N, C-alpha and C. Protein backbone atom coordinates (compact mmCIF):
# COMPACT_ATOMS: atom_id res chain seq x y z
N MET A 1 135.72 66.64 156.99
CA MET A 1 136.82 67.54 156.90
C MET A 1 136.01 68.22 158.34
N GLY A 2 136.77 68.63 159.21
CA GLY A 2 136.62 69.50 160.35
C GLY A 2 135.78 71.05 160.04
N ASN A 3 135.53 71.57 160.70
CA ASN A 3 135.28 72.99 160.69
C ASN A 3 136.58 74.32 160.82
N ILE A 4 136.65 74.75 159.68
CA ILE A 4 137.90 75.42 159.91
C ILE A 4 137.15 77.00 160.31
N SER A 5 137.59 77.56 161.00
CA SER A 5 137.48 79.09 161.03
C SER A 5 138.36 79.57 160.73
N LYS A 6 138.05 81.22 160.00
CA LYS A 6 138.80 82.29 159.58
C LYS A 6 139.80 82.49 161.03
N ILE A 7 140.76 82.73 160.49
CA ILE A 7 141.45 83.05 162.08
C ILE A 7 141.64 84.84 161.70
N GLU A 8 141.33 85.42 162.86
CA GLU A 8 141.53 87.02 162.73
C GLU A 8 142.72 87.83 163.30
N ILE A 9 143.10 88.58 162.32
CA ILE A 9 144.30 89.12 163.06
C ILE A 9 143.88 90.70 163.24
N TRP A 10 144.45 91.48 164.50
CA TRP A 10 143.87 92.98 164.24
C TRP A 10 145.32 93.53 164.68
N ASP A 11 145.56 95.08 164.18
CA ASP A 11 146.81 95.60 164.73
C ASP A 11 146.48 95.84 165.96
N SER A 12 147.28 96.63 166.72
CA SER A 12 147.45 96.97 168.00
C SER A 12 147.52 98.27 168.16
N TYR A 13 146.76 98.98 169.48
CA TYR A 13 147.09 100.65 169.33
C TYR A 13 147.27 101.12 170.74
N LEU A 14 147.77 102.29 170.76
CA LEU A 14 148.24 102.84 172.03
C LEU A 14 146.83 103.50 172.53
N THR A 15 146.70 104.00 173.48
CA THR A 15 145.50 104.89 173.90
C THR A 15 145.26 106.20 173.25
N ASP A 16 146.25 106.72 172.61
CA ASP A 16 146.56 108.09 171.57
C ASP A 16 146.00 107.72 170.20
N GLY A 17 145.23 106.34 170.13
CA GLY A 17 145.04 105.45 168.93
C GLY A 17 146.06 105.41 167.62
N SER A 18 147.29 106.08 167.75
CA SER A 18 148.37 105.30 167.13
C SER A 18 148.60 103.95 167.10
N THR A 19 149.46 103.17 165.98
CA THR A 19 149.76 101.82 166.06
C THR A 19 150.93 101.58 166.38
N ALA A 20 150.40 100.49 167.50
CA ALA A 20 151.52 99.88 168.02
C ALA A 20 152.60 98.61 167.79
N ASN A 21 152.52 98.30 166.02
CA ASN A 21 152.83 97.07 165.31
C ASN A 21 152.96 95.99 166.06
N VAL A 22 151.84 95.78 166.91
CA VAL A 22 151.86 94.07 167.28
C VAL A 22 150.98 93.36 166.90
N ASP A 23 151.31 92.29 166.38
CA ASP A 23 149.53 92.11 165.77
C ASP A 23 149.06 91.30 167.04
N LEU A 24 147.63 91.16 167.00
CA LEU A 24 146.89 90.63 168.08
C LEU A 24 146.04 89.43 167.40
N LEU A 25 145.79 88.51 168.13
CA LEU A 25 144.77 87.71 167.21
C LEU A 25 143.49 87.49 168.09
N ARG A 26 142.24 87.29 167.84
CA ARG A 26 141.04 87.77 167.81
C ARG A 26 141.37 86.50 169.09
N GLY A 27 140.85 86.77 170.38
CA GLY A 27 140.58 85.60 170.93
C GLY A 27 141.59 85.75 172.26
N ALA A 28 143.13 85.67 171.86
CA ALA A 28 144.03 85.88 172.54
C ALA A 28 143.97 87.38 172.96
N PRO A 29 145.22 86.54 174.58
CA PRO A 29 144.71 87.94 175.79
C PRO A 29 145.45 89.27 174.93
N ILE A 30 145.07 90.05 175.31
CA ILE A 30 145.55 91.49 174.53
C ILE A 30 146.41 92.12 175.43
N PRO A 31 148.18 92.44 175.39
CA PRO A 31 149.16 92.35 176.61
C PRO A 31 148.27 93.94 176.96
N ASN A 32 149.12 94.00 178.13
CA ASN A 32 148.55 95.36 179.23
C ASN A 32 149.11 96.70 178.29
N GLY A 33 148.50 97.54 178.07
CA GLY A 33 148.65 98.73 177.18
C GLY A 33 148.00 98.86 175.99
N LEU A 34 148.01 97.94 175.58
CA LEU A 34 147.66 97.76 173.99
C LEU A 34 146.41 97.70 174.10
N TYR A 35 145.67 98.24 172.95
CA TYR A 35 144.09 98.20 172.76
C TYR A 35 143.90 97.54 171.08
N HIS A 36 142.49 97.07 170.77
CA HIS A 36 142.02 97.38 169.33
C HIS A 36 141.00 98.16 169.58
N LEU A 37 140.65 98.04 168.03
CA LEU A 37 139.80 99.05 167.49
C LEU A 37 138.48 98.29 167.48
N VAL A 38 137.53 98.83 167.17
CA VAL A 38 136.03 98.22 167.26
C VAL A 38 135.36 99.75 167.19
N CYS A 39 134.67 99.46 165.80
CA CYS A 39 133.86 100.70 165.56
C CYS A 39 132.72 100.50 165.66
N GLU A 40 131.69 100.90 165.97
CA GLU A 40 130.06 100.93 166.18
C GLU A 40 129.33 102.00 165.20
N ILE A 41 128.29 101.34 164.57
CA ILE A 41 127.77 102.77 163.61
C ILE A 41 126.02 102.43 163.94
N LEU A 42 125.58 104.04 164.50
CA LEU A 42 124.09 104.57 164.27
C LEU A 42 124.11 104.50 163.44
N VAL A 43 122.43 103.57 162.62
CA VAL A 43 121.86 104.21 161.31
C VAL A 43 120.59 105.14 161.93
N ARG A 44 120.57 105.83 160.90
CA ARG A 44 119.58 106.81 161.08
C ARG A 44 119.04 107.22 159.72
N HIS A 45 117.99 106.84 159.24
CA HIS A 45 117.25 107.18 157.72
C HIS A 45 117.12 108.66 158.07
N THR A 46 116.85 109.07 156.94
CA THR A 46 116.62 110.65 155.97
C THR A 46 115.50 110.86 156.42
N ASP A 47 114.39 109.86 156.96
CA ASP A 47 112.98 110.40 157.14
C ASP A 47 113.23 110.27 159.02
N GLY A 48 114.16 110.03 159.73
CA GLY A 48 114.25 110.17 161.14
C GLY A 48 114.74 108.72 161.63
N ASP A 49 114.23 108.08 160.88
CA ASP A 49 113.70 106.61 162.10
C ASP A 49 115.10 106.24 162.45
N TYR A 50 115.49 105.08 163.33
CA TYR A 50 116.95 104.71 163.45
C TYR A 50 116.50 103.24 163.55
N LEU A 51 117.54 102.75 162.78
CA LEU A 51 117.53 101.10 162.71
C LEU A 51 118.54 100.17 164.05
N VAL A 52 117.61 99.78 164.18
CA VAL A 52 118.28 98.74 165.54
C VAL A 52 118.24 96.94 165.11
N MET A 53 119.15 96.35 165.34
CA MET A 53 119.39 95.29 164.54
C MET A 53 119.06 93.96 165.82
N GLN A 54 118.41 93.17 165.56
CA GLN A 54 118.51 91.85 167.04
C GLN A 54 119.92 90.60 166.65
N ARG A 55 120.47 91.12 168.06
CA ARG A 55 121.66 89.96 167.91
C ARG A 55 121.56 88.40 168.28
N ASP A 56 121.73 87.72 167.31
CA ASP A 56 121.62 86.07 166.98
C ASP A 56 121.45 85.60 168.54
N PHE A 57 120.87 84.76 169.12
CA PHE A 57 120.51 84.21 170.14
C PHE A 57 121.82 83.46 170.75
N SER A 58 122.41 83.23 169.55
CA SER A 58 124.00 82.57 169.71
C SER A 58 124.67 83.34 170.24
N LYS A 59 124.80 84.27 170.15
CA LYS A 59 125.89 85.18 170.75
C LYS A 59 126.02 85.59 172.31
N PRO A 60 127.60 85.29 172.54
CA PRO A 60 127.47 84.94 173.90
C PRO A 60 127.19 86.07 174.77
N ASN A 61 127.02 87.34 174.13
CA ASN A 61 126.88 88.41 175.40
C ASN A 61 125.61 89.10 174.39
N PHE A 62 124.71 89.13 175.29
CA PHE A 62 123.57 90.14 175.03
C PHE A 62 122.62 89.30 173.98
N GLY A 63 122.19 88.24 173.66
CA GLY A 63 121.84 86.97 172.79
C GLY A 63 120.77 87.49 172.64
N GLY A 64 120.17 87.82 171.48
CA GLY A 64 118.33 88.30 171.10
C GLY A 64 118.35 89.74 171.77
N PHE A 65 119.12 90.14 171.82
CA PHE A 65 119.09 91.69 172.21
C PHE A 65 118.62 92.75 170.95
N PHE A 66 117.98 93.65 171.12
CA PHE A 66 118.20 94.52 170.04
C PHE A 66 119.34 95.55 170.04
N GLU A 67 120.03 95.51 169.46
CA GLU A 67 121.17 96.90 169.32
C GLU A 67 121.14 98.04 168.34
N ALA A 68 121.50 99.16 169.20
CA ALA A 68 121.37 100.28 167.78
C ALA A 68 122.70 100.75 167.56
N THR A 69 123.02 99.44 166.47
CA THR A 69 124.30 99.56 165.98
C THR A 69 124.65 98.62 165.14
N ALA A 70 125.34 98.69 164.32
CA ALA A 70 126.34 97.61 163.53
C ALA A 70 127.64 97.96 164.24
N GLY A 71 128.46 97.21 163.79
CA GLY A 71 129.67 97.22 164.40
C GLY A 71 130.71 95.76 164.59
N GLY A 72 131.89 96.29 164.85
CA GLY A 72 132.84 95.39 165.22
C GLY A 72 134.28 95.50 165.14
N SER A 73 134.97 94.72 165.07
CA SER A 73 136.37 94.64 165.44
C SER A 73 137.26 94.86 163.55
N ALA A 74 138.34 96.02 164.12
CA ALA A 74 138.67 96.59 162.60
C ALA A 74 139.87 95.49 162.55
N LEU A 75 139.95 94.86 161.54
CA LEU A 75 140.72 93.85 160.68
C LEU A 75 142.41 94.40 160.63
N LYS A 76 143.66 93.69 160.53
CA LYS A 76 144.80 94.01 160.46
C LYS A 76 145.08 95.19 159.20
N GLY A 77 145.65 96.15 158.91
CA GLY A 77 145.66 97.05 157.93
C GLY A 77 144.09 97.61 157.78
N GLU A 78 143.37 97.97 158.33
CA GLU A 78 141.79 98.71 158.47
C GLU A 78 141.94 99.83 159.09
N ASP A 79 141.82 100.94 158.45
CA ASP A 79 141.65 101.81 159.51
C ASP A 79 139.59 102.13 160.32
N LYS A 80 139.80 103.33 161.15
CA LYS A 80 138.27 103.12 161.80
C LYS A 80 137.10 103.40 160.12
N ILE A 81 137.39 103.90 159.37
CA ILE A 81 136.14 104.27 158.37
C ILE A 81 136.05 102.90 157.65
N THR A 82 137.27 102.25 157.14
CA THR A 82 137.19 101.23 156.21
C THR A 82 136.25 100.26 157.53
N CYS A 83 137.12 99.75 158.57
CA CYS A 83 136.41 99.36 159.50
C CYS A 83 134.81 99.13 159.53
N ALA A 84 134.32 100.69 159.92
CA ALA A 84 132.91 100.92 160.21
C ALA A 84 132.21 100.72 158.83
N LYS A 85 132.89 100.91 157.94
CA LYS A 85 131.92 100.93 156.35
C LYS A 85 131.93 99.70 156.29
N ARG A 86 132.98 98.58 155.95
CA ARG A 86 132.47 97.03 155.84
C ARG A 86 131.88 96.57 157.16
N GLU A 87 131.62 96.70 158.14
CA GLU A 87 130.69 96.33 159.66
C GLU A 87 129.27 96.02 159.09
N LEU A 88 129.19 97.42 158.41
CA LEU A 88 127.68 97.98 158.37
C LEU A 88 127.33 97.49 157.26
N PHE A 89 128.38 97.30 156.12
CA PHE A 89 127.59 96.38 154.92
C PHE A 89 127.37 95.13 155.29
N GLU A 90 128.62 94.64 156.09
CA GLU A 90 128.04 92.97 156.52
C GLU A 90 127.09 92.67 157.16
N GLU A 91 126.84 93.69 158.43
CA GLU A 91 126.11 93.15 159.25
C GLU A 91 124.89 94.09 158.88
N THR A 92 124.39 94.95 157.64
CA THR A 92 123.05 95.07 157.28
C THR A 92 122.65 95.49 155.85
N GLY A 93 123.79 95.45 155.35
CA GLY A 93 123.39 95.57 153.54
C GLY A 93 123.82 96.82 153.17
N ILE A 94 123.94 97.51 153.80
CA ILE A 94 124.08 99.46 153.89
C ILE A 94 125.34 99.76 153.66
N SER A 95 125.74 100.63 152.37
CA SER A 95 126.62 100.93 152.24
C SER A 95 127.06 102.42 152.40
N ALA A 96 127.25 102.77 153.48
CA ALA A 96 127.94 104.02 153.92
C ALA A 96 128.48 105.02 152.88
N ILE A 97 127.86 105.96 152.34
CA ILE A 97 129.05 106.98 151.57
C ILE A 97 129.57 107.98 152.37
N SER A 98 129.16 108.43 153.62
CA SER A 98 129.95 109.39 154.68
C SER A 98 129.64 108.71 155.99
N LEU A 99 130.46 108.81 157.16
CA LEU A 99 130.20 108.71 158.27
C LEU A 99 130.63 110.06 158.89
N GLU A 100 129.68 110.15 160.20
CA GLU A 100 130.35 110.86 160.89
C GLU A 100 130.29 110.28 162.31
N GLU A 101 131.90 110.73 162.56
CA GLU A 101 132.10 110.06 164.07
C GLU A 101 131.59 110.91 164.81
N ILE A 102 130.81 110.38 166.22
CA ILE A 102 130.17 111.11 167.17
C ILE A 102 130.85 110.45 168.36
N GLY A 103 131.66 110.05 168.56
CA GLY A 103 132.43 109.08 169.96
C GLY A 103 133.40 108.57 169.74
N ARG A 104 133.95 108.50 170.81
CA ARG A 104 135.40 107.78 171.08
C ARG A 104 135.35 107.33 172.83
N CYS A 105 135.53 106.50 172.76
CA CYS A 105 135.66 105.71 174.39
C CYS A 105 136.90 104.47 174.39
N LEU A 106 137.57 104.71 175.75
CA LEU A 106 138.44 103.22 176.07
C LEU A 106 138.06 102.67 176.76
N SER A 107 137.86 101.40 176.74
CA SER A 107 136.99 100.65 177.51
C SER A 107 137.95 99.01 177.87
N GLN A 108 138.61 99.31 179.02
CA GLN A 108 139.53 97.49 179.10
C GLN A 108 140.71 97.88 177.93
N ASP A 109 140.57 97.06 177.27
CA ASP A 109 141.56 96.85 176.07
C ASP A 109 140.98 97.07 174.73
N THR A 110 139.96 97.72 174.86
CA THR A 110 139.23 98.18 173.74
C THR A 110 139.45 100.08 173.30
N ILE A 111 139.32 100.19 172.08
CA ILE A 111 139.03 101.81 171.77
C ILE A 111 138.04 101.50 170.83
N TYR A 112 136.99 102.39 171.60
CA TYR A 112 135.81 102.14 170.59
C TYR A 112 135.04 103.45 170.35
N PHE A 113 135.07 103.21 168.37
CA PHE A 113 134.65 104.87 168.05
C PHE A 113 133.30 104.48 167.32
N GLN A 114 132.45 105.78 167.77
CA GLN A 114 130.86 105.78 167.20
C GLN A 114 130.89 106.23 165.85
N PHE A 115 130.40 106.39 165.01
CA PHE A 115 129.68 106.58 163.83
C PHE A 115 128.57 106.89 163.85
N LEU A 116 127.81 107.94 163.18
CA LEU A 116 126.41 108.21 162.42
C LEU A 116 126.22 108.08 161.07
N CYS A 117 125.39 107.11 160.69
CA CYS A 117 125.30 106.65 159.33
C CYS A 117 123.90 107.54 158.87
N VAL A 118 123.54 108.09 157.91
CA VAL A 118 122.24 108.65 157.65
C VAL A 118 122.27 108.16 156.10
N THR A 119 121.15 107.42 155.82
CA THR A 119 120.95 106.62 155.22
C THR A 119 119.32 107.02 154.25
N ASP A 120 119.59 106.77 153.18
CA ASP A 120 117.94 106.79 152.66
C ASP A 120 117.74 105.97 151.83
N CYS A 121 117.97 104.27 152.28
CA CYS A 121 118.33 102.82 151.69
C CYS A 121 116.74 102.50 151.74
N GLU A 122 116.37 101.70 150.72
CA GLU A 122 115.11 101.13 150.90
C GLU A 122 114.94 100.19 152.23
N LYS A 123 113.97 100.61 153.25
CA LYS A 123 114.04 100.20 154.68
C LYS A 123 113.85 98.83 154.49
N GLU A 124 113.28 97.98 153.29
CA GLU A 124 112.58 96.54 153.51
C GLU A 124 114.08 95.94 153.00
N ALA A 125 115.34 96.76 152.58
CA ALA A 125 116.55 96.27 152.12
C ALA A 125 117.57 95.38 152.84
N ILE A 126 117.06 95.67 154.53
CA ILE A 126 118.14 95.44 155.33
C ILE A 126 118.69 93.94 155.41
N SER A 127 119.80 93.45 155.00
CA SER A 127 120.13 92.24 155.21
C SER A 127 120.85 91.59 156.55
N LEU A 128 120.83 90.54 156.91
CA LEU A 128 120.70 90.06 158.19
C LEU A 128 122.24 88.57 158.08
N GLN A 129 123.32 89.12 158.27
CA GLN A 129 124.63 88.20 158.71
C GLN A 129 124.50 87.18 159.66
N LYS A 130 124.64 85.80 158.94
CA LYS A 130 124.44 84.36 159.49
C LYS A 130 125.66 84.49 160.82
N GLY A 131 124.92 84.13 162.14
CA GLY A 131 125.52 83.91 163.10
C GLY A 131 125.86 85.77 164.01
N GLU A 132 125.18 86.80 163.14
CA GLU A 132 125.40 87.87 164.01
C GLU A 132 124.01 88.48 164.46
N THR A 133 123.03 88.34 163.43
CA THR A 133 121.62 88.88 163.40
C THR A 133 120.86 87.89 162.94
N ILE A 134 119.41 88.16 163.45
CA ILE A 134 118.46 87.81 163.22
C ILE A 134 117.17 88.36 162.53
N SER A 135 117.32 89.91 163.17
CA SER A 135 116.46 90.48 163.04
C SER A 135 116.68 92.26 162.89
N TYR A 136 115.53 92.87 162.67
CA TYR A 136 115.77 94.28 162.30
C TYR A 136 114.06 94.83 162.35
N LYS A 137 114.62 96.16 163.28
CA LYS A 137 113.36 97.02 162.56
C LYS A 137 113.78 98.48 163.02
N TRP A 138 113.10 99.61 161.89
CA TRP A 138 113.16 100.91 162.26
C TRP A 138 112.43 100.94 163.01
N LEU A 139 112.52 102.40 164.10
CA LEU A 139 112.07 102.74 165.61
C LEU A 139 112.31 104.33 164.91
N SER A 140 110.60 105.12 165.48
CA SER A 140 110.51 106.43 165.37
C SER A 140 111.55 107.03 166.40
N GLU A 141 111.79 108.64 166.19
CA GLU A 141 112.73 108.99 167.29
C GLU A 141 112.07 108.98 167.97
N LYS A 142 110.71 108.87 168.52
CA LYS A 142 110.05 108.87 169.84
C LYS A 142 110.19 107.20 170.50
N GLU A 143 109.98 106.39 169.69
CA GLU A 143 110.55 105.15 170.48
C GLU A 143 111.90 104.47 170.38
N PHE A 144 112.82 105.30 169.61
CA PHE A 144 113.77 105.06 170.00
C PHE A 144 114.37 105.83 170.94
N LEU A 145 114.23 106.91 171.20
CA LEU A 145 114.30 107.56 172.45
C LEU A 145 113.66 106.60 173.78
N ALA A 146 112.40 106.16 173.52
CA ALA A 146 112.13 105.19 174.57
C ALA A 146 113.13 104.10 174.79
N PHE A 147 113.49 102.94 173.53
CA PHE A 147 114.40 102.28 173.72
C PHE A 147 115.67 102.72 174.24
N VAL A 148 116.21 104.01 174.07
CA VAL A 148 117.57 104.15 174.95
C VAL A 148 117.40 104.42 176.21
N ASN A 149 116.13 104.68 176.80
CA ASN A 149 115.60 104.50 177.88
C ASN A 149 115.17 103.73 179.19
N SER A 150 115.35 102.47 178.12
CA SER A 150 114.91 101.31 179.06
C SER A 150 115.42 100.30 178.97
N ASP A 151 115.22 98.87 179.72
CA ASP A 151 116.08 97.77 180.00
C ASP A 151 116.22 97.47 178.78
N ALA A 152 115.66 97.88 177.56
CA ALA A 152 115.93 96.54 176.31
C ALA A 152 117.20 97.02 175.57
N MET A 153 117.90 98.01 176.09
CA MET A 153 118.90 98.59 175.05
C MET A 153 120.28 98.39 175.81
N ILE A 154 121.48 97.49 175.21
CA ILE A 154 122.36 96.98 176.05
C ILE A 154 123.25 97.75 176.86
N PRO A 155 123.25 97.94 178.33
CA PRO A 155 123.95 99.16 179.31
C PRO A 155 124.87 99.35 178.56
N VAL A 156 126.14 98.65 178.19
CA VAL A 156 127.48 99.03 177.94
C VAL A 156 127.21 100.35 176.57
N GLN A 157 126.46 99.65 175.25
CA GLN A 157 126.26 100.38 174.56
C GLN A 157 125.68 101.29 174.66
N ARG A 158 124.64 101.87 175.63
CA ARG A 158 124.12 103.22 176.16
C ARG A 158 125.15 104.17 176.88
N THR A 159 126.01 103.52 177.45
CA THR A 159 127.13 103.87 178.11
C THR A 159 128.28 104.77 176.77
N ARG A 160 128.47 103.83 176.26
CA ARG A 160 129.58 104.05 174.75
C ARG A 160 129.01 105.39 174.17
N TYR A 161 127.42 105.41 173.77
CA TYR A 161 127.30 106.17 173.34
C TYR A 161 126.44 107.47 174.17
N SER A 162 126.61 107.26 175.14
CA SER A 162 126.32 108.63 176.39
C SER A 162 126.49 109.73 176.06
N GLU A 163 127.41 110.54 175.34
CA GLU A 163 127.49 111.30 175.35
C GLU A 163 127.04 112.14 173.83
N TYR A 164 126.71 111.13 173.03
CA TYR A 164 126.10 111.64 171.92
C TYR A 164 124.85 111.87 171.96
N PHE A 165 123.78 110.96 172.86
CA PHE A 165 122.54 111.02 173.45
C PHE A 165 122.09 112.30 174.13
N LYS A 166 123.47 112.29 175.09
CA LYS A 166 122.91 113.60 176.03
C LYS A 166 123.01 114.95 174.58
N LYS A 167 123.67 115.38 174.20
CA LYS A 167 123.88 116.46 173.48
C LYS A 167 122.02 116.04 172.32
N LEU A 168 121.87 115.10 171.67
CA LEU A 168 120.45 115.14 171.35
C LEU A 168 119.68 115.49 172.32
N GLY A 169 119.79 115.13 173.82
CA GLY A 169 118.58 115.28 174.44
C GLY A 169 118.08 113.80 174.98
N TYR A 170 118.78 112.63 174.92
CA TYR A 170 118.38 111.41 174.62
C TYR A 170 117.92 111.03 176.12
N ILE A 171 118.99 111.63 176.98
CA ILE A 171 119.28 110.81 178.32
C ILE A 171 119.70 112.27 179.01
């Protein structure tokens, strides 16, 4: 029996974030003027440390890099909070009680929403998602600041979080 992969269907959105009532299929071209929704979650522990996750080497973009986020595309029928909570749990094992929206930006055919999750989870209890993440580490605020301002951080991610990082004085 062959490898059967799960088909992912997304809702489409207009630039203002309202739904466009057109289904999108992961991997298929997104029609001009339509967008799909992606949520990214920055995780800060109540002790001030930040969680970074190492991307699986098999990932087509930035394989092996550490990223300051968990995240991914909203599935059909999911709002941004549902998507963010699901992605965070799938990629880290953290159940978010509440999320603070810290940014939003448009890029090509995607609307990105950034969230902050402050957690008091057990730091050793982070779980990895096969095919997505292979390692993690907690960085002190000073280490995280150095990470944000280094070549180790994925450049497009730094750009998407830039307003938040500027507000904190990180960049």
